[in-house]
Amino acid sequence: MSAPHFPAFPDPVRFWSRLHPGRPALVDRAAGLRLTYAELDARVARRAAALRGGGVGRGALVGVLAGNRAEVVELFFACGRVGAALLPLNWRLAAAELAVVLGDARPDLLLREERFRRLGDDALAAAGAVPAAGWAELCADPGDGPADRAGDVPDAAVEAEDPALVLYTSGSTGRPKGAVLPHRQLLWNAVATATAWELGPADVAPVSTPFFHTGGWNVFATPLWHRGGTVVLLDGFQPDDFLAAAEEEGITVALTVPTQLLMLMESPRWGRPLPALRFFISGGAPCPAALAARVRAAGYRFREGYGLTECGPNCFALSDEEAARKPGSVGRPVPFLEMRLEAADGREAEPGEAGELLLRGPQLFAGYLRDPGRTAEALAPGGWLRTGDLARRDADGVYTVCGRRKEMYISGGENVFPGEVEAALADCPGVAEAVVVGVADARWGEVGRAFVVRRAEGAVDEAEVVAHARARLAGYKVPRSVVFLDEIPRLGSGKPDRRALAEWEEVTA
């Protein structure tokens, strides 16, 4: 049997431009740009012609160093039409870090926007020889150049396994690796997400997560474009701007991470009615139950999600009712996705027992770019992806994520999940945020250390934090020390940089 293939690039922009040309497709708030599907289709066609005119075709890799702007969306769909893959580059990296990515990925074409000129130049100089000759400007309208004379180009025929996106991980556990997301993954994730999350053409979603993360593309954007919905681009996350966009654009579904929810609650706009909003969904890290309760108390529906670059990223679904009834749970598997919880001894974990979450299905990535060794490490026999995350499944089949397997520490022979401790500290008066890591201890092997950010009006001290934890947790789970920080160090995804905190502890202990 031959490998599955598409007769042409499965392009929702082209489809909807013909079926409903006047329907809104994309809003770029920073640029004041609003595009219908017909208008977006025309801009994608010009950009695809420019790529083809520049010799970019099937199998090419196009790197782009830019924020959340309409031109990057156009470039993504244009790459698909000519059979290339898009590599969104992380503009939060230092030049030396970005150089590592460029040297590993070896893109065929590099585009950037002006504000990242110096970063791009320094990174390319540090990277040394890469196939790309240098940076080209990500112009607002490629039709202004000679390539526009190439006219409309036919969609390239692509295989289901052909790369659509290459997204580099944050590198929290070592050298960054480029996850290859094929057309097959994006398509199945879109179908599963739209089905399980009940997305339709009337839905409107903001995208404030950077495009160098899967959340920027695949939580709501690509699923909504497949359904003919509307995507609102925000060039970064600012609480007031986010809530203003939710009100003014009629946002119906919104992705946040727990830290962003805390920031939203400090905005004077928080708590205003948002009649169009169906739900907030929190991802990226477990959301403390107390924080979720505050969202609901403000009058908003709230759900938790789970996913990762290598699979999905939308792996679970649950209703508003079950989300409220089972706080902290992420729900049930979305269509097409299989799940297994593997106990430490390799057996299937019992209901209520924590085990590593393994995933399998058509939403799985194609592997790491030019790295078969680490691809093999990520996959268990039978094609299962080892997520490295620990989860429990209750008697009803509903899953709750406990935290990362590598984050779990053992204190006096007992397993401690930092997420559970952090959830207990979340409603401590005066605590805005807490992150817990395990540190070495001569007697217990490991004990917890809490890194805490105080609320603006808070004057909480270490004794109060420990007492609060002791009233809610078993003794072995209570942090033995507390460190107060002005802010928690973060990865580009917005998640706490636990590795940095662990290294900080080693230096200052």
Foldseek 3Di string as FASTA:
>chain_A
DDAAWDQFQPALLVVCCVVPVQAWAEAEPVVRDTHGSVRLVVQLQQVLLVCVVVVDAAPAEEEEEEFFDSLVVSVLSSCQQRNYAYEYFDLVDALCLSLLVCLQVLGQAYEYADVCVVSQVSNVVNNPDGNHPGYDYSDPGSCVDPSSVSPGDGGDIGGQQRFSYWAWDLQLPHRIFTFTAGNLLQVVLLVLLCVQVVDAQAAEEEQQQTPSFCSNPFNDNSSNSNRNHYYYYDRHDDLVVVLVCLQPVLHAEYEDAQLSLLRNVPDPSQLDDRPSHQAYEHEDDFHQLVSQVVNVVSPGQYAYAAAHPFFSRGFAHDDSVVCVVDPQFRHAGTPFKDWFFAQPVGDTDDAPDKGFIKIDGSNGTPATRPCVPVRVVQADPPRIGGPQWIWHAHPVRIIGTQGGVVQWDFWQNDTEGQVVLQSLLCPQAFFSGKGWGWDQDPPGRTAIEIETEGDPPHDDDFVSSQVSSVVPDDPRHRGPYYHYDNDFDDGSSRHGSVSVVRVVVVVPD
